[in-house]
Amino acid sequence: DIVVRNDEKLTLILENALSKRQEIPFMAIENKGFTERINGMYHYVLHLYGRLINGQKVLVTLINIQVFFDILIPDGETPDKCKEKVSEILSGIVKSYKIEHIKAFPFWGYHTEKKSYLRIYTNGTGERKKAIQAIQEKISKLLQMIYTYSTER
């Protein structure tokens, strides 16, 4: 009985917020991104799945957003130096990209301060995949070189 009354109150809060076009509390617990053809043009679509405060399942669809990924800037590294290194890796591999410095809270874990990231925008999911693979391969090679150097000493 308590659960039913609580659910009714939460549903009323949501209905009020909707009627007044106010923000609705929502936390995405899963997402899915894909390219979809809309009116003859390809657009990047992102589905965010979650629940509302009253427990109802919800799907939020974002259409035509820019495709990007973020790279955490290591402590002690400047955003400009990191941007230069990433540009060296991507030039010749990705046709068109844009890099900007952002500050954001890490997605995982509890953090009291924002961290520095490079946000890399690409023209589609295929270009993003190529960019991520190129950066991962370069990091993998660097780690292998460091490991080889440290074991030879």
C-alpha atoms as a PDB file:
ATOM      1  CA  ASP A   1       0.000   0.000   0.000  1.00  0.00           C
ATOM      2  CA  ILE A   2       2.868   2.394   0.837  1.00  0.00           C
ATOM      3  CA  VAL A   3       4.565   1.563  -2.467  1.00  0.00           C
ATOM      4  CA  VAL A   4       1.374   2.242  -4.445  1.00  0.00           C
ATOM      5  CA  ARG A   5       0.820   5.621  -2.709  1.00  0.00           C
ATOM      6  CA  ASN A   6       4.460   6.579  -3.241  1.00  0.00           C
ATOM      7  CA  ASP A   7       4.276   5.561  -6.917  1.00  0.00           C
ATOM      8  CA  GLU A   8       1.135   7.674  -7.368  1.00  0.00           C
ATOM      9  CA  LYS A   9       2.873  10.721  -5.821  1.00  0.00           C
ATOM     10  CA  LEU A  10       5.944  10.275  -8.013  1.00  0.00           C
ATOM     11  CA  THR A  11       3.778   9.835 -11.104  1.00  0.00           C
ATOM     12  CA  LEU A  12       1.924  13.041 -10.198  1.00  0.00           C
ATOM     13  CA  ILE A  13       5.266  14.876  -9.873  1.00  0.00           C
ATOM     14  CA  LEU A  14       6.272  13.620 -13.337  1.00  0.00           C
ATOM     15  CA  GLU A  15       2.934  14.556 -14.904  1.00  0.00           C
ATOM     16  CA  ASN A  16       3.202  18.065 -13.411  1.00  0.00           C
ATOM     17  CA  ALA A  17       6.735  18.468 -14.738  1.00  0.00           C
ATOM     18  CA  LEU A  18       5.627  17.318 -18.203  1.00  0.00           C
ATOM     19  CA  SER A  19       2.648  19.678 -18.315  1.00  0.00           C
ATOM     20  CA  LYS A  20       4.866  22.621 -17.282  1.00  0.00           C
ATOM     21  CA  ARG A  21       7.660  21.558 -19.664  1.00  0.00           C
ATOM     22  CA  GLN A  22      10.127  21.293 -16.776  1.00  0.00           C
ATOM     23  CA  GLU A  23      13.204  19.104 -16.600  1.00  0.00           C
ATOM     24  CA  ILE A  24      12.556  15.508 -15.556  1.00  0.00           C
ATOM     25  CA  PRO A  25      15.099  13.595 -13.452  1.00  0.00           C
ATOM     26  CA  PHE A  26      16.548  10.808 -15.583  1.00  0.00           C
ATOM     27  CA  MET A  27      19.594   8.592 -15.294  1.00  0.00           C
ATOM     28  CA  ALA A  28      20.705   6.591 -18.309  1.00  0.00           C
ATOM     29  CA  ILE A  29      21.757   3.046 -17.426  1.00  0.00           C
ATOM     30  CA  GLU A  30      22.352   1.823 -20.965  1.00  0.00           C
ATOM     31  CA  ASN A  31      22.941   3.399 -24.369  1.00  0.00           C
ATOM     32  CA  LYS A  32      23.080   2.391 -28.010  1.00  0.00           C
ATOM     33  CA  GLY A  33      24.471   4.493 -30.854  1.00  0.00           C
ATOM     34  CA  PHE A  34      23.950   3.843 -34.546  1.00  0.00           C
ATOM     35  CA  THR A  35      23.606   5.515 -37.935  1.00  0.00           C
ATOM     36  CA  GLU A  36      20.108   5.727 -39.371  1.00  0.00           C
ATOM     37  CA  ARG A  37      18.801   6.966 -42.707  1.00  0.00           C
ATOM     38  CA  ILE A  38      16.234   9.720 -42.141  1.00  0.00           C
ATOM     39  CA  ASN A  39      14.633  11.483 -45.135  1.00  0.00           C
ATOM     40  CA  GLY A  40      17.385  10.193 -47.425  1.00  0.00           C
ATOM     41  CA  MET A  41      20.257  11.407 -45.218  1.00  0.00           C
ATOM     42  CA  TYR A  42      22.336   9.488 -42.695  1.00  0.00           C
ATOM     43  CA  HIS A  43      22.229  10.737 -39.115  1.00  0.00           C
ATOM     44  CA  TYR A  44      23.871   9.536 -35.915  1.00  0.00           C
ATOM     45  CA  VAL A  45      21.224   8.428 -33.417  1.00  0.00           C
ATOM     46  CA  LEU A  46      21.819   7.747 -29.737  1.00  0.00           C
ATOM     47  CA  HIS A  47      19.301   5.861 -27.592  1.00  0.00           C
ATOM     48  CA  LEU A  48      19.552   6.324 -23.817  1.00  0.00           C
ATOM     49  CA  TYR A  49      17.655   3.791 -21.713  1.00  0.00           C
ATOM     50  CA  GLY A  50      16.783   4.339 -18.061  1.00  0.00           C
ATOM     51  CA  ARG A  51      14.079   4.721 -15.456  1.00  0.00           C
ATOM     52  CA  LEU A  52      12.164   7.672 -14.115  1.00  0.00           C
ATOM     53  CA  ILE A  53      11.716   8.433 -10.406  1.00  0.00           C
ATOM     54  CA  ASN A  54       8.480   6.434 -10.315  1.00  0.00           C
ATOM     55  CA  GLY A  55      10.147   3.349 -11.821  1.00  0.00           C
ATOM     56  CA  GLN A  56       8.753   3.709 -15.342  1.00  0.00           C
ATOM     57  CA  LYS A  57      11.112   2.668 -18.115  1.00  0.00           C
ATOM     58  CA  VAL A  58      12.077   5.415 -20.519  1.00  0.00           C
ATOM     59  CA  LEU A  59      13.885   5.745 -23.837  1.00  0.00           C
ATOM     60  CA  VAL A  60      15.414   9.096 -24.788  1.00  0.00           C
ATOM     61  CA  THR A  61      16.372   9.405 -28.465  1.00  0.00           C
ATOM     62  CA  LEU A  62      18.959  11.970 -29.536  1.00  0.00           C
ATOM     63  CA  ILE A  63      19.122  12.542 -33.289  1.00  0.00           C
ATOM     64  CA  ASN A  64      21.794  14.208 -35.399  1.00  0.00           C
ATOM     65  CA  ILE A  65      24.305  14.716 -32.611  1.00  0.00           C
ATOM     66  CA  GLN A  66      27.998  15.054 -33.327  1.00  0.00           C
ATOM     67  CA  VAL A  67      30.002  11.830 -33.117  1.00  0.00           C
ATOM     68  CA  PHE A  68      32.856  12.086 -30.620  1.00  0.00           C
ATOM     69  CA  PHE A  69      34.956  10.308 -28.026  1.00  0.00           C
ATOM     70  CA  ASP A  70      36.981  11.591 -25.092  1.00  0.00           C
ATOM     71  CA  ILE A  71      40.576  10.907 -24.065  1.00  0.00           C
ATOM     72  CA  LEU A  72      41.665  11.538 -20.479  1.00  0.00           C
ATOM     73  CA  ILE A  73      44.692  13.837 -20.367  1.00  0.00           C
ATOM     74  CA  PRO A  74      47.275  12.187 -18.083  1.00  0.00           C
ATOM     75  CA  ASP A  75      48.368  14.051 -14.945  1.00  0.00           C
ATOM     76  CA  GLY A  76      51.382  16.222 -15.687  1.00  0.00           C
ATOM     77  CA  GLU A  77      50.541  16.473 -19.403  1.00  0.00           C
ATOM     78  CA  THR A  78      49.302  19.747 -20.894  1.00  0.00           C
ATOM     79  CA  PRO A  79      46.185  19.783 -23.086  1.00  0.00           C
ATOM     80  CA  ASP A  80      48.143  21.409 -25.941  1.00  0.00           C
ATOM     81  CA  LYS A  81      50.923  18.790 -25.874  1.00  0.00           C
ATOM     82  CA  CYS A  82      48.385  15.955 -25.728  1.00  0.00           C
ATOM     83  CA  LYS A  83      46.398  17.533 -28.597  1.00  0.00           C
ATOM     84  CA  GLU A  84      49.588  17.708 -30.660  1.00  0.00           C
ATOM     85  CA  LYS A  85      50.313  14.001 -30.057  1.00  0.00           C
ATOM     86  CA  VAL A  86      46.752  12.963 -30.942  1.00  0.00           C
ATOM     87  CA  SER A  87      46.837  15.079 -34.130  1.00  0.00           C
ATOM     88  CA  GLU A  88      50.076  13.353 -35.180  1.00  0.00           C
ATOM     89  CA  ILE A  89      48.409   9.954 -34.739  1.00  0.00           C
ATOM     90  CA  LEU A  90      45.194  10.876 -36.580  1.00  0.00           C
ATOM     91  CA  SER A  91      46.627  12.820 -39.521  1.00  0.00           C
ATOM     92  CA  GLY A  92      46.481  10.654 -42.616  1.00  0.00           C
ATOM     93  CA  ILE A  93      44.179   8.108 -40.933  1.00  0.00           C
ATOM     94  CA  VAL A  94      41.005  10.106 -40.314  1.00  0.00           C
ATOM     95  CA  LYS A  95      39.764  12.420 -43.081  1.00  0.00           C
ATOM     96  CA  SER A  96      38.267  15.130 -40.914  1.00  0.00           C
ATOM     97  CA  TYR A  97      38.298  15.657 -37.166  1.00  0.00           C
ATOM     98  CA  LYS A  98      38.147  18.413 -34.585  1.00  0.00           C
ATOM     99  CA  ILE A  99      39.785  18.371 -31.141  1.00  0.00           C
ATOM    100  CA  GLU A 100      38.792  20.491 -28.162  1.00  0.00           C
ATOM    101  CA  HIS A 101      39.841  20.585 -24.511  1.00  0.00           C
ATOM    102  CA  ILE A 102      37.044  19.967 -21.987  1.00  0.00           C
ATOM    103  CA  LYS A 103      36.761  19.474 -18.244  1.00  0.00           C
ATOM    104  CA  ALA A 104      34.289  16.861 -17.018  1.00  0.00           C
ATOM    105  CA  PHE A 105      33.691  14.390 -14.235  1.00  0.00           C
ATOM    106  CA  PRO A 106      34.917  10.877 -15.062  1.00  0.00           C
ATOM    107  CA  PHE A 107      32.078   8.543 -16.041  1.00  0.00           C
ATOM    108  CA  TRP A 108      33.059   5.823 -13.555  1.00  0.00           C
ATOM    109  CA  GLY A 109      33.604   6.202  -9.827  1.00  0.00           C
ATOM    110  CA  TYR A 110      33.128   9.047  -7.371  1.00  0.00           C
ATOM    111  CA  HIS A 111      35.126  12.203  -8.043  1.00  0.00           C
ATOM    112  CA  THR A 112      35.024  15.625  -6.389  1.00  0.00           C
ATOM    113  CA  GLU A 113      36.847  17.455  -9.174  1.00  0.00           C
ATOM    114  CA  LYS A 114      36.562  17.540 -12.936  1.00  0.00           C
ATOM    115  CA  LYS A 115      39.381  16.085 -15.026  1.00  0.00           C
ATOM    116  CA  SER A 116      40.858  17.367 -18.288  1.00  0.00           C
ATOM    117  CA  TYR A 117      39.942  15.534 -21.484  1.00  0.00           C
ATOM    118  CA  LEU A 118      40.422  15.950 -25.195  1.00  0.00           C
ATOM    119  CA  ARG A 119      37.141  15.581 -27.058  1.00  0.00           C
ATOM    120  CA  ILE A 120      37.668  14.330 -30.598  1.00  0.00           C
ATOM    121  CA  TYR A 121      34.803  14.900 -33.065  1.00  0.00           C
ATOM    122  CA  THR A 122      34.631  12.831 -36.251  1.00  0.00           C
ATOM    123  CA  ASN A 123      32.329  12.650 -39.271  1.00  0.00           C
ATOM    124  CA  GLY A 124      30.498   9.452 -38.398  1.00  0.00           C
ATOM    125  CA  THR A 125      30.890   6.251 -36.454  1.00  0.00           C
ATOM    126  CA  GLY A 126      33.232   4.680 -39.023  1.00  0.00           C
ATOM    127  CA  GLU A 127      35.724   7.544 -38.696  1.00  0.00           C
ATOM    128  CA  ARG A 128      35.402   7.421 -34.901  1.00  0.00           C
ATOM    129  CA  LYS A 129      36.211   3.708 -34.938  1.00  0.00           C
ATOM    130  CA  LYS A 130      39.304   4.316 -37.110  1.00  0.00           C
ATOM    131  CA  ALA A 131      40.449   7.132 -34.800  1.00  0.00           C
ATOM    132  CA  ILE A 132      40.019   5.072 -31.624  1.00  0.00           C
ATOM    133  CA  GLN A 133      41.847   2.097 -33.171  1.00  0.00           C
ATOM    134  CA  ALA A 134      44.758   4.292 -34.310  1.00  0.00           C
ATOM    135  CA  ILE A 135      45.156   5.811 -30.844  1.00  0.00           C
ATOM    136  CA  GLN A 136      44.865   2.423 -29.109  1.00  0.00           C
ATOM    137  CA  GLU A 137      47.491   0.898 -31.443  1.00  0.00           C
ATOM    138  CA  LYS A 138      49.908   3.768 -30.768  1.00  0.00           C
ATOM    139  CA  ILE A 139      49.434   3.448 -26.995  1.00  0.00           C
ATOM    140  CA  SER A 140      49.893  -0.318 -27.220  1.00  0.00           C
ATOM    141  CA  LYS A 141      53.180   0.124 -29.125  1.00  0.00           C
ATOM    142  CA  LEU A 142      54.406   2.695 -26.576  1.00  0.00           C
ATOM    143  CA  LEU A 143      53.582   0.386 -23.672  1.00  0.00           C
ATOM    144  CA  GLN A 144      55.387  -2.483 -25.407  1.00  0.00           C
ATOM    145  CA  MET A 145      58.466  -0.274 -25.894  1.00  0.00           C
ATOM    146  CA  ILE A 146      58.407   0.773 -22.220  1.00  0.00           C
ATOM    147  CA  TYR A 147      58.012  -2.843 -21.088  1.00  0.00           C
ATOM    148  CA  THR A 148      60.847  -4.022 -23.360  1.00  0.00           C
ATOM    149  CA  TYR A 149      63.110  -1.205 -22.148  1.00  0.00           C
ATOM    150  CA  SER A 150      62.382  -1.907 -18.467  1.00  0.00           C
ATOM    151  CA  THR A 151      62.995  -5.669 -18.793  1.00  0.00           C
ATOM    152  CA  GLU A 152      66.315  -5.153 -20.604  1.00  0.00           C
ATOM    153  CA  ARG A 153      67.794  -3.135 -17.724  1.00  0.00           C
END
